[in-house]
């Protein structure tokens, strides 16, 4: 259990999502997101956006939730290897929509928008492996190390 990782995920509302296209070209996208009790992440995106197309051909993604609000040298992040998919089931869409709406200070998309054939879909990423920053010093040289962790 990593309380600091949980705190970062609760505090930071944007994730950075890394995907790759069919030719192996990387793509990185910042996204407003929400998460559930199992730390599955949700977001809405155009089906025509590059990251959405990439997920359609390769569902392996990498998410970073990084707290950039603290002073230089003290930043911490949560690094997540996950599998992503578009949500098609109305029950799953309702759940994701509610989570996203609860995280916003004012309303955004209406639920009906996602229950019809529109250019925007809701997506879900299910974590497979999670790391946190872990630093050490060797001969006064800072080493940025990732240490596998679990979320509570």
Foldseek 3Di string as FASTA:
>chain_A
DDVVQVVLLVPFQKKWKWFAAPVRHIDIDIFGWFADPQRKIKGKDFCPDPVNNRLVVPQWMKIKRKDPPDDPPPIKIKIFTWGKDWDDDLVVLVVRLVRSQVVDPDDDDDSVQANDDDRMTMMIIRTDWMWMWDWDADPNDIDTDIDTDHDD
